[in-house]
C-alpha atoms as a PDB file:
ATOM      1  CA  MET A   1       0.000   0.000   0.000  1.00  0.00           C
ATOM      2  CA  LEU A   2       2.795   2.387   1.040  1.00  0.00           C
ATOM      3  CA  LYS A   3       4.870   1.361  -1.975  1.00  0.00           C
ATOM      4  CA  SER A   4       1.892   2.011  -4.271  1.00  0.00           C
ATOM      5  CA  LEU A   5       1.294   5.442  -2.722  1.00  0.00           C
ATOM      6  CA  ALA A   6       4.986   6.315  -3.007  1.00  0.00           C
ATOM      7  CA  LEU A   7       4.978   5.246  -6.672  1.00  0.00           C
ATOM      8  CA  THR A   8       1.918   7.402  -7.390  1.00  0.00           C
ATOM      9  CA  ILE A   9       3.519  10.429  -5.753  1.00  0.00           C
ATOM     10  CA  SER A  10       6.741   9.861  -7.682  1.00  0.00           C
ATOM     11  CA  LEU A  11       4.921   9.579 -11.008  1.00  0.00           C
ATOM     12  CA  THR A  12       2.944  12.767 -10.263  1.00  0.00           C
ATOM     13  CA  ALA A  13       6.143  14.605  -9.408  1.00  0.00           C
ATOM     14  CA  LEU A  14       7.843  13.373 -12.573  1.00  0.00           C
ATOM     15  CA  SER A  15       4.822  14.431 -14.631  1.00  0.00           C
ATOM     16  CA  SER A  16       4.939  17.929 -13.118  1.00  0.00           C
ATOM     17  CA  ILE A  17       8.664  18.191 -13.747  1.00  0.00           C
ATOM     18  CA  SER A  18       8.241  17.084 -17.342  1.00  0.00           C
ATOM     19  CA  LYS A  19       5.475  19.657 -17.932  1.00  0.00           C
ATOM     20  CA  ALA A  20       7.718  22.372 -16.528  1.00  0.00           C
ATOM     21  CA  GLN A  21      10.519  21.752 -19.031  1.00  0.00           C
ATOM     22  CA  VAL A  22       9.126  24.498 -21.268  1.00  0.00           C
ATOM     23  CA  ASP A  23       7.874  28.042 -20.939  1.00  0.00           C
ATOM     24  CA  THR A  24       4.206  28.696 -21.747  1.00  0.00           C
ATOM     25  CA  ILE A  25       2.960  31.842 -23.482  1.00  0.00           C
ATOM     26  CA  PHE A  26      -0.749  32.551 -22.992  1.00  0.00           C
ATOM     27  CA  SER A  27      -1.748  34.519 -26.085  1.00  0.00           C
ATOM     28  CA  ASN A  28      -5.404  35.219 -26.861  1.00  0.00           C
ATOM     29  CA  ASN A  29      -7.163  31.849 -27.179  1.00  0.00           C
ATOM     30  CA  THR A  30      -3.957  29.822 -27.441  1.00  0.00           C
ATOM     31  CA  LYS A  31      -1.179  28.465 -25.254  1.00  0.00           C
ATOM     32  CA  ILE A  32       2.286  28.238 -26.794  1.00  0.00           C
ATOM     33  CA  ALA A  33       4.682  25.686 -25.267  1.00  0.00           C
ATOM     34  CA  CYS A  34       8.158  26.991 -26.084  1.00  0.00           C
ATOM     35  CA  THR A  35      11.450  28.408 -24.881  1.00  0.00           C
ATOM     36  CA  VAL A  36      11.322  32.180 -24.466  1.00  0.00           C
ATOM     37  CA  LYS A  37      14.478  33.687 -25.946  1.00  0.00           C
ATOM     38  CA  GLU A  38      13.990  37.427 -25.610  1.00  0.00           C
ATOM     39  CA  ILE A  39      11.443  40.038 -24.528  1.00  0.00           C
ATOM     40  CA  THR A  40      11.736  43.273 -26.504  1.00  0.00           C
ATOM     41  CA  PRO A  41       9.755  46.515 -26.089  1.00  0.00           C
ATOM     42  CA  ASP A  42       7.285  45.307 -28.758  1.00  0.00           C
ATOM     43  CA  ALA A  43       7.388  41.516 -28.838  1.00  0.00           C
ATOM     44  CA  VAL A  44       8.346  38.221 -27.244  1.00  0.00           C
ATOM     45  CA  LYS A  45      10.724  36.006 -29.214  1.00  0.00           C
ATOM     46  CA  TYR A  46      10.607  32.248 -28.722  1.00  0.00           C
ATOM     47  CA  SER A  47      11.483  28.849 -30.203  1.00  0.00           C
ATOM     48  CA  TYR A  48       9.434  25.669 -30.219  1.00  0.00           C
ATOM     49  CA  PRO A  49      10.872  22.658 -28.360  1.00  0.00           C
ATOM     50  CA  GLY A  50      13.553  20.935 -30.395  1.00  0.00           C
ATOM     51  CA  GLU A  51      13.803  23.825 -32.887  1.00  0.00           C
ATOM     52  CA  ASP A  52      16.217  26.725 -33.345  1.00  0.00           C
ATOM     53  CA  LEU A  53      13.940  28.852 -35.543  1.00  0.00           C
ATOM     54  CA  LEU A  54      13.049  32.114 -33.824  1.00  0.00           C
ATOM     55  CA  ASN A  55       9.392  33.145 -33.758  1.00  0.00           C
ATOM     56  CA  SER A  56       7.824  36.262 -32.294  1.00  0.00           C
ATOM     57  CA  VAL A  57       4.475  37.450 -30.980  1.00  0.00           C
ATOM     58  CA  TYR A  58       3.496  41.026 -30.200  1.00  0.00           C
ATOM     59  CA  LYS A  59       3.219  41.833 -26.494  1.00  0.00           C
ATOM     60  CA  GLY A  60      -0.220  43.380 -26.999  1.00  0.00           C
ATOM     61  CA  THR A  61      -1.674  39.912 -27.591  1.00  0.00           C
ATOM     62  CA  ILE A  62      -0.037  38.219 -24.587  1.00  0.00           C
ATOM     63  CA  GLN A  63      -1.822  37.850 -21.266  1.00  0.00           C
ATOM     64  CA  LYS A  64       1.040  36.200 -19.414  1.00  0.00           C
ATOM     65  CA  ILE A  65       4.071  33.895 -19.601  1.00  0.00           C
ATOM     66  CA  VAL A  66       4.531  31.011 -17.173  1.00  0.00           C
ATOM     67  CA  PHE A  67       8.239  30.211 -17.175  1.00  0.00           C
ATOM     68  CA  LYS A  68       9.543  26.716 -16.511  1.00  0.00           C
ATOM     69  CA  SER A  69      11.008  28.046 -13.263  1.00  0.00           C
ATOM     70  CA  GLY A  70       7.451  28.702 -12.077  1.00  0.00           C
ATOM     71  CA  ARG A  71       7.702  32.489 -12.350  1.00  0.00           C
ATOM     72  CA  VAL A  72       4.697  34.216 -13.929  1.00  0.00           C
ATOM     73  CA  GLN A  73       5.028  37.456 -15.894  1.00  0.00           C
ATOM     74  CA  THR A  74       1.922  39.405 -16.889  1.00  0.00           C
ATOM     75  CA  PHE A  75       1.803  42.098 -19.547  1.00  0.00           C
ATOM     76  CA  ALA A  76       0.227  45.496 -19.005  1.00  0.00           C
ATOM     77  CA  GLU A  77      -0.336  45.867 -22.755  1.00  0.00           C
ATOM     78  CA  ALA A  78      -2.951  43.095 -22.783  1.00  0.00           C
ATOM     79  CA  THR A  79      -4.466  43.707 -19.347  1.00  0.00           C
ATOM     80  CA  SER A  80      -5.129  47.366 -20.232  1.00  0.00           C
ATOM     81  CA  TYR A  81      -7.700  46.351 -22.853  1.00  0.00           C
ATOM     82  CA  LYS A  82     -11.238  46.190 -21.537  1.00  0.00           C
ATOM     83  CA  THR A  83     -13.615  43.424 -22.533  1.00  0.00           C
ATOM     84  CA  VAL A  84     -16.420  44.498 -24.879  1.00  0.00           C
ATOM     85  CA  SER A  85     -19.239  41.988 -24.430  1.00  0.00           C
ATOM     86  CA  GLY A  86     -21.913  43.844 -26.363  1.00  0.00           C
ATOM     87  CA  VAL A  87     -22.940  47.060 -28.082  1.00  0.00           C
ATOM     88  CA  MET A  88     -23.712  48.888 -24.838  1.00  0.00           C
ATOM     89  CA  ASP A  89     -20.128  48.341 -23.679  1.00  0.00           C
ATOM     90  CA  TYR A  90     -19.042  51.050 -26.140  1.00  0.00           C
ATOM     91  CA  ASP A  91     -17.572  53.189 -23.339  1.00  0.00           C
ATOM     92  CA  LYS A  92     -14.941  50.467 -22.861  1.00  0.00           C
ATOM     93  CA  VAL A  93     -13.587  51.068 -26.375  1.00  0.00           C
ATOM     94  CA  THR A  94     -10.256  52.915 -26.466  1.00  0.00           C
ATOM     95  CA  ILE A  95      -9.360  55.283 -29.306  1.00  0.00           C
ATOM     96  CA  THR A  96      -5.681  55.775 -30.110  1.00  0.00           C
ATOM     97  CA  VAL A  97      -3.680  57.712 -32.677  1.00  0.00           C
ATOM     98  CA  VAL A  98      -0.524  55.688 -31.971  1.00  0.00           C
ATOM     99  CA  GLU A  99      -0.155  52.935 -34.576  1.00  0.00           C
ATOM    100  CA  SER A 100       2.230  50.854 -32.440  1.00  0.00           C
ATOM    101  CA  GLU A 101      -0.551  50.328 -29.881  1.00  0.00           C
ATOM    102  CA  VAL A 102      -2.458  48.076 -32.299  1.00  0.00           C
ATOM    103  CA  LYS A 103       0.522  46.025 -33.496  1.00  0.00           C
ATOM    104  CA  GLY A 104      -0.301  42.338 -33.355  1.00  0.00           C
ATOM    105  CA  LEU A 105      -3.990  42.954 -32.634  1.00  0.00           C
ATOM    106  CA  TYR A 106      -6.772  41.600 -34.823  1.00  0.00           C
ATOM    107  CA  LYS A 107      -8.397  43.893 -37.362  1.00  0.00           C
ATOM    108  CA  LEU A 108     -12.162  43.488 -37.178  1.00  0.00           C
ATOM    109  CA  THR A 109     -13.615  46.280 -39.282  1.00  0.00           C
ATOM    110  CA  ASP A 110     -13.158  49.744 -40.722  1.00  0.00           C
ATOM    111  CA  VAL A 111     -15.065  52.362 -38.745  1.00  0.00           C
ATOM    112  CA  SER A 112     -16.148  55.882 -39.535  1.00  0.00           C
ATOM    113  CA  SER A 113     -18.453  58.493 -38.090  1.00  0.00           C
ATOM    114  CA  LYS A 114     -19.531  62.057 -38.558  1.00  0.00           C
ATOM    115  CA  ALA A 115     -21.390  64.599 -36.488  1.00  0.00           C
ATOM    116  CA  LYS A 116     -22.705  67.992 -37.390  1.00  0.00           C
ATOM    117  CA  GLY A 117     -24.061  70.868 -35.340  1.00  0.00           C
ATOM    118  CA  THR A 118     -27.682  71.894 -35.699  1.00  0.00           C
ATOM    119  CA  THR A 119     -27.003  75.650 -35.872  1.00  0.00           C
ATOM    120  CA  VAL A 120     -24.033  77.971 -36.469  1.00  0.00           C
ATOM    121  CA  PHE A 121     -23.959  78.458 -32.692  1.00  0.00           C
ATOM    122  CA  SER A 122     -23.349  74.753 -31.976  1.00  0.00           C
ATOM    123  CA  ASN A 123     -20.491  73.956 -29.600  1.00  0.00           C
ATOM    124  CA  GLN A 124     -17.607  72.561 -31.669  1.00  0.00           C
ATOM    125  CA  GLU A 125     -16.287  70.327 -28.853  1.00  0.00           C
ATOM    126  CA  ARG A 126     -19.699  68.768 -28.303  1.00  0.00           C
ATOM    127  CA  VAL A 127     -19.966  67.996 -32.000  1.00  0.00           C
ATOM    128  CA  LYS A 128     -16.548  66.325 -31.881  1.00  0.00           C
ATOM    129  CA  ASP A 129     -17.503  64.322 -28.772  1.00  0.00           C
ATOM    130  CA  ARG A 130     -20.612  63.074 -30.549  1.00  0.00           C
ATOM    131  CA  ALA A 131     -18.516  61.833 -33.471  1.00  0.00           C
ATOM    132  CA  TYR A 132     -16.198  59.948 -31.100  1.00  0.00           C
ATOM    133  CA  HIS A 133     -19.249  58.544 -29.296  1.00  0.00           C
ATOM    134  CA  LYS A 134     -20.606  57.136 -32.569  1.00  0.00           C
ATOM    135  CA  MET A 135     -17.232  55.688 -33.544  1.00  0.00           C
ATOM    136  CA  LYS A 136     -17.004  53.794 -30.243  1.00  0.00           C
ATOM    137  CA  ILE A 137     -20.510  52.405 -30.735  1.00  0.00           C
ATOM    138  CA  GLN A 138     -19.741  51.189 -34.250  1.00  0.00           C
ATOM    139  CA  ALA A 139     -16.557  49.500 -33.023  1.00  0.00           C
ATOM    140  CA  ALA A 140     -18.416  47.803 -30.143  1.00  0.00           C
ATOM    141  CA  MET A 141     -21.034  46.491 -32.589  1.00  0.00           C
ATOM    142  CA  PHE A 142     -18.282  44.350 -34.150  1.00  0.00           C
ATOM    143  CA  GLY A 143     -16.661  43.401 -30.837  1.00  0.00           C
ATOM    144  CA  ALA A 144     -13.672  45.759 -31.163  1.00  0.00           C
ATOM    145  CA  ASN A 145     -12.183  47.196 -27.981  1.00  0.00           C
ATOM    146  CA  ILE A 146      -9.665  49.597 -29.531  1.00  0.00           C
ATOM    147  CA  VAL A 147      -9.808  51.910 -32.545  1.00  0.00           C
ATOM    148  CA  TYR A 148      -6.791  53.220 -34.400  1.00  0.00           C
ATOM    149  CA  LEU A 149      -7.831  56.671 -35.616  1.00  0.00           C
ATOM    150  CA  THR A 150      -6.431  57.248 -39.100  1.00  0.00           C
ATOM    151  CA  ASN A 151      -8.043  60.587 -39.938  1.00  0.00           C
ATOM    152  CA  GLN A 152      -9.908  63.389 -38.226  1.00  0.00           C
ATOM    153  CA  ARG A 153     -11.340  66.389 -40.017  1.00  0.00           C
ATOM    154  CA  THR A 154     -12.976  69.106 -37.952  1.00  0.00           C
ATOM    155  CA  GLU A 155     -14.493  72.331 -39.227  1.00  0.00           C
ATOM    156  CA  GLY A 156     -15.813  75.101 -37.028  1.00  0.00           C
ATOM    157  CA  ASN A 157     -18.948  77.173 -37.447  1.00  0.00           C
ATOM    158  CA  LYS A 158     -18.939  79.537 -40.388  1.00  0.00           C
ATOM    159  CA  TYR A 159     -21.198  82.535 -40.192  1.00  0.00           C
ATOM    160  CA  GLY A 160     -22.859  83.547 -43.415  1.00  0.00           C
ATOM    161  CA  GLY A 161     -23.088  86.935 -44.971  1.00  0.00           C
ATOM    162  CA  TYR A 162     -24.973  88.666 -47.687  1.00  0.00           C
ATOM    163  CA  TRP A 163     -23.230  86.711 -50.464  1.00  0.00           C
ATOM    164  CA  GLN A 164     -22.447  83.474 -48.607  1.00  0.00           C
ATOM    165  CA  SER A 165     -24.504  81.092 -46.500  1.00  0.00           C
ATOM    166  CA  GLY A 166     -23.181  79.874 -43.157  1.00  0.00           C
ATOM    167  CA  SER A 167     -22.345  76.303 -42.118  1.00  0.00           C
ATOM    168  CA  THR A 168     -22.325  74.503 -38.798  1.00  0.00           C
ATOM    169  CA  ALA A 169     -19.449  72.782 -37.000  1.00  0.00           C
ATOM    170  CA  GLU A 170     -18.697  69.301 -38.316  1.00  0.00           C
ATOM    171  CA  THR A 171     -16.354  66.422 -37.410  1.00  0.00           C
ATOM    172  CA  ASN A 172     -15.543  63.445 -39.639  1.00  0.00           C
ATOM    173  CA  LEU A 173     -13.576  60.472 -38.304  1.00  0.00           C
ATOM    174  CA  THR A 174     -12.182  57.350 -39.952  1.00  0.00           C
ATOM    175  CA  GLY A 175     -10.298  54.487 -38.331  1.00  0.00           C
ATOM    176  CA  VAL A 176      -9.888  50.758 -37.892  1.00  0.00           C
ATOM    177  CA  GLY A 177     -11.447  48.656 -35.138  1.00  0.00           C
ATOM    178  CA  TYR A 178      -9.189  46.069 -33.482  1.00  0.00           C
ATOM    179  CA  SER A 179      -9.381  43.577 -30.654  1.00  0.00           C
ATOM    180  CA  ASN A 180      -6.698  41.802 -28.658  1.00  0.00           C
ATOM    181  CA  ILE A 181      -8.810  38.640 -28.623  1.00  0.00           C
ATOM    182  CA  LEU A 182     -11.181  36.973 -31.079  1.00  0.00           C
ATOM    183  CA  PRO A 183     -14.273  34.831 -30.509  1.00  0.00           C
ATOM    184  CA  ASP A 184     -13.141  31.205 -30.298  1.00  0.00           C
ATOM    185  CA  TYR A 185     -14.263  29.402 -33.466  1.00  0.00           C
ATOM    186  CA  GLU A 186     -14.166  25.889 -31.975  1.00  0.00           C
ATOM    187  CA  LYS A 187     -16.027  26.906 -28.806  1.00  0.00           C
ATOM    188  CA  PHE A 188     -18.687  28.652 -30.874  1.00  0.00           C
ATOM    189  CA  LYS A 189     -19.138  25.554 -33.029  1.00  0.00           C
ATOM    190  CA  GLN A 190     -19.535  23.483 -29.867  1.00  0.00           C
ATOM    191  CA  LEU A 191     -22.087  25.985 -28.538  1.00  0.00           C
ATOM    192  CA  ILE A 192     -24.438  25.770 -31.520  1.00  0.00           C
ATOM    193  CA  GLY A 193     -23.718  22.109 -32.318  1.00  0.00           C
ATOM    194  CA  THR A 194     -25.751  20.847 -35.266  1.00  0.00           C
ATOM    195  CA  LYS A 195     -28.588  23.282 -34.632  1.00  0.00           C
ATOM    196  CA  THR A 196     -29.410  25.631 -37.517  1.00  0.00           C
ATOM    197  CA  ASP A 197     -32.621  27.380 -36.459  1.00  0.00           C
ATOM    198  CA  PHE A 198     -32.375  30.186 -33.897  1.00  0.00           C
ATOM    199  CA  VAL A 199     -34.339  33.276 -32.871  1.00  0.00           C
ATOM    200  CA  ALA A 200     -33.015  36.842 -33.135  1.00  0.00           C
ATOM    201  CA  THR A 201     -34.215  38.866 -30.148  1.00  0.00           C
ATOM    202  CA  LYS A 202     -32.641  42.317 -30.461  1.00  0.00           C
ATOM    203  CA  LYS A 203     -31.467  44.600 -33.258  1.00  0.00           C
ATOM    204  CA  PHE A 204     -29.078  47.564 -32.953  1.00  0.00           C
ATOM    205  CA  GLU A 205     -28.765  50.062 -35.801  1.00  0.00           C
ATOM    206  CA  LEU A 206     -26.444  53.042 -36.356  1.00  0.00           C
ATOM    207  CA  GLY A 207     -26.645  55.042 -39.581  1.00  0.00           C
ATOM    208  CA  ALA A 208     -24.168  57.620 -40.825  1.00  0.00           C
ATOM    209  CA  SER A 209     -26.548  60.507 -40.128  1.00  0.00           C
ATOM    210  CA  ASP A 210     -27.971  59.094 -36.871  1.00  0.00           C
ATOM    211  CA  THR A 211     -27.147  60.923 -33.661  1.00  0.00           C
ATOM    212  CA  ASP A 212     -27.086  57.709 -31.610  1.00  0.00           C
ATOM    213  CA  VAL A 213     -27.612  53.956 -31.850  1.00  0.00           C
ATOM    214  CA  SER A 214     -31.175  52.628 -31.885  1.00  0.00           C
ATOM    215  CA  GLN A 215     -32.249  49.289 -30.478  1.00  0.00           C
ATOM    216  CA  ASP A 216     -35.385  47.280 -31.065  1.00  0.00           C
ATOM    217  CA  ILE A 217     -36.754  44.104 -29.509  1.00  0.00           C
ATOM    218  CA  ILE A 218     -37.478  41.623 -32.288  1.00  0.00           C
ATOM    219  CA  ASP A 219     -38.623  38.027 -32.624  1.00  0.00           C
ATOM    220  CA  LYS A 220     -37.382  36.735 -35.968  1.00  0.00           C
ATOM    221  CA  PRO A 221     -36.049  33.368 -37.160  1.00  0.00           C
ATOM    222  CA  PHE A 222     -32.285  33.307 -37.764  1.00  0.00           C
ATOM    223  CA  THR A 223     -31.305  30.311 -39.894  1.00  0.00           C
ATOM    224  CA  ILE A 224     -27.641  29.356 -40.216  1.00  0.00           C
ATOM    225  CA  SER A 225     -26.433  27.514 -43.317  1.00  0.00           C
ATOM    226  CA  ASN A 226     -22.665  27.721 -42.780  1.00  0.00           C
ATOM    227  CA  VAL A 227     -19.989  28.804 -40.295  1.00  0.00           C
ATOM    228  CA  ASN A 228     -16.383  29.319 -41.335  1.00  0.00           C
ATOM    229  CA  ILE A 229     -13.293  31.237 -40.270  1.00  0.00           C
ATOM    230  CA  GLU A 230     -11.196  33.699 -42.275  1.00  0.00           C
ATOM    231  CA  SER A 231      -8.032  35.248 -40.817  1.00  0.00           C
ATOM    232  CA  GLY A 232      -9.323  34.376 -37.366  1.00  0.00           C
ATOM    233  CA  ILE A 233     -12.700  36.057 -37.871  1.00  0.00           C
ATOM    234  CA  VAL A 234     -15.775  33.839 -37.616  1.00  0.00           C
ATOM    235  CA  LEU A 235     -18.206  34.403 -40.488  1.00  0.00           C
ATOM    236  CA  ILE A 236     -21.756  33.059 -40.413  1.00  0.00           C
ATOM    237  CA  THR A 237     -23.839  32.521 -43.527  1.00  0.00           C
ATOM    238  CA  ALA A 238     -27.449  32.891 -42.433  1.00  0.00           C
ATOM    239  CA  GLN A 239     -30.852  34.299 -43.218  1.00  0.00           C
ATOM    240  CA  LEU A 240     -32.628  36.699 -40.885  1.00  0.00           C
ATOM    241  CA  LYS A 241     -36.310  36.627 -41.750  1.00  0.00           C
ATOM    242  CA  GLY A 242     -37.515  39.873 -43.252  1.00  0.00           C
ATOM    243  CA  GLU A 243     -33.963  41.117 -43.882  1.00  0.00           C
ATOM    244  CA  ASN A 244     -32.830  40.567 -47.462  1.00  0.00           C
ATOM    245  CA  ASN A 245     -29.908  43.007 -47.569  1.00  0.00           C
ATOM    246  CA  ASN A 246     -27.324  40.671 -46.045  1.00  0.00           C
ATOM    247  CA  SER A 247     -26.464  36.978 -45.734  1.00  0.00           C
ATOM    248  CA  ILE A 248     -22.903  37.042 -44.309  1.00  0.00           C
ATOM    249  CA  PHE A 249     -22.649  38.012 -40.643  1.00  0.00           C
ATOM    250  CA  GLN A 250     -19.513  38.564 -38.574  1.00  0.00           C
ATOM    251  CA  LEU A 251     -19.532  36.967 -35.130  1.00  0.00           C
ATOM    252  CA  ALA A 252     -18.958  39.750 -32.598  1.00  0.00           C
ATOM    253  CA  ASN A 253     -19.163  37.794 -29.326  1.00  0.00           C
ATOM    254  CA  PHE A 254     -21.059  35.005 -27.590  1.00  0.00           C
ATOM    255  CA  THR A 255     -22.020  33.615 -24.194  1.00  0.00           C
ATOM    256  CA  ASP A 256     -23.470  30.282 -23.088  1.00  0.00           C
ATOM    257  CA  ASN A 257     -26.974  31.557 -23.886  1.00  0.00           C
ATOM    258  CA  SER A 258     -26.655  33.874 -26.885  1.00  0.00           C
ATOM    259  CA  PHE A 259     -24.429  35.292 -29.587  1.00  0.00           C
ATOM    260  CA  SER A 260     -24.330  38.547 -31.519  1.00  0.00           C
ATOM    261  CA  VAL A 261     -23.434  39.178 -35.146  1.00  0.00           C
ATOM    262  CA  ALA A 262     -22.679  42.366 -37.055  1.00  0.00           C
ATOM    263  CA  TYR A 263     -22.735  43.637 -40.608  1.00  0.00           C
ATOM    264  CA  LYS A 264     -22.874  46.845 -42.626  1.00  0.00           C
ATOM    265  CA  HIS A 265     -25.171  47.860 -45.440  1.00  0.00           C
ATOM    266  CA  LYS A 266     -25.059  51.170 -47.340  1.00  0.00           C
ATOM    267  CA  GLY A 267     -23.230  53.032 -44.573  1.00  0.00           C
ATOM    268  CA  THR A 268     -25.366  51.680 -41.743  1.00  0.00           C
ATOM    269  CA  ALA A 269     -23.971  49.300 -39.111  1.00  0.00           C
ATOM    270  CA  TYR A 270     -26.156  46.571 -37.602  1.00  0.00           C
ATOM    271  CA  ASN A 271     -25.758  44.230 -34.647  1.00  0.00           C
ATOM    272  CA  ILE A 272     -28.164  41.335 -34.083  1.00  0.00           C
ATOM    273  CA  GLU A 273     -28.471  39.415 -30.814  1.00  0.00           C
ATOM    274  CA  VAL A 274     -29.491  35.781 -31.254  1.00  0.00           C
ATOM    275  CA  LYS A 275     -30.764  33.438 -28.539  1.00  0.00           C
ATOM    276  CA  VAL A 276     -29.108  30.028 -28.269  1.00  0.00           C
ATOM    277  CA  LYS A 277     -31.094  28.461 -25.420  1.00  0.00           C
END
């Protein structure tokens, strides 16, 4: 009995030792068993066991590294990103003008927004804030938690005269929505299984000229015909009853009970929440 117990303990210890012969990088939805060679200001360089080839991964996508010594190193770059679980989490979206801050992150969608004052006395800063507000909403609709702002054009109020009409303050923004983590394709496939018929329960809509996002409670069949993955992004071919302007939806996020998809049509962004159970 004692010999058996001692053998079990020894085997467990050997197993633990063998597992600790490599470093482990926790990056997005993956774990990389490797030997960490170097940590630079932008990336972590590593080699796979038994190989000399040097690989690298941007620090912005790494949650932590568990070294074979047992030491754990976390990375502020990844932990600074907030989780966007739905459209109404738009305030958690960060906007940056520094390109290096999105290195290694996943591009989800191009985003743009514009806002215009109602009169020539409109506050220019408020108009600008409204444009940023709309950009964050559009990014959140696709599951992005950071936007790299590529262009901003702001014009102040112009007062008219006898020969010229006036114009109100206006801000136009363009950028790219990114995320440090993508919805897990395999977990999503497990969630829906072989089921194809679902029910869409909520619809968010944000048009180019809208002042804010609108949301409506709906009850419409959502029928999936195919799910595939392209460059890490999960794309769903489906039919939403009564909506004939789109058949390819981008998976934004999902939980154990529901998932949400997004798409654009003629300058308007849409997000659809679909019930699983």
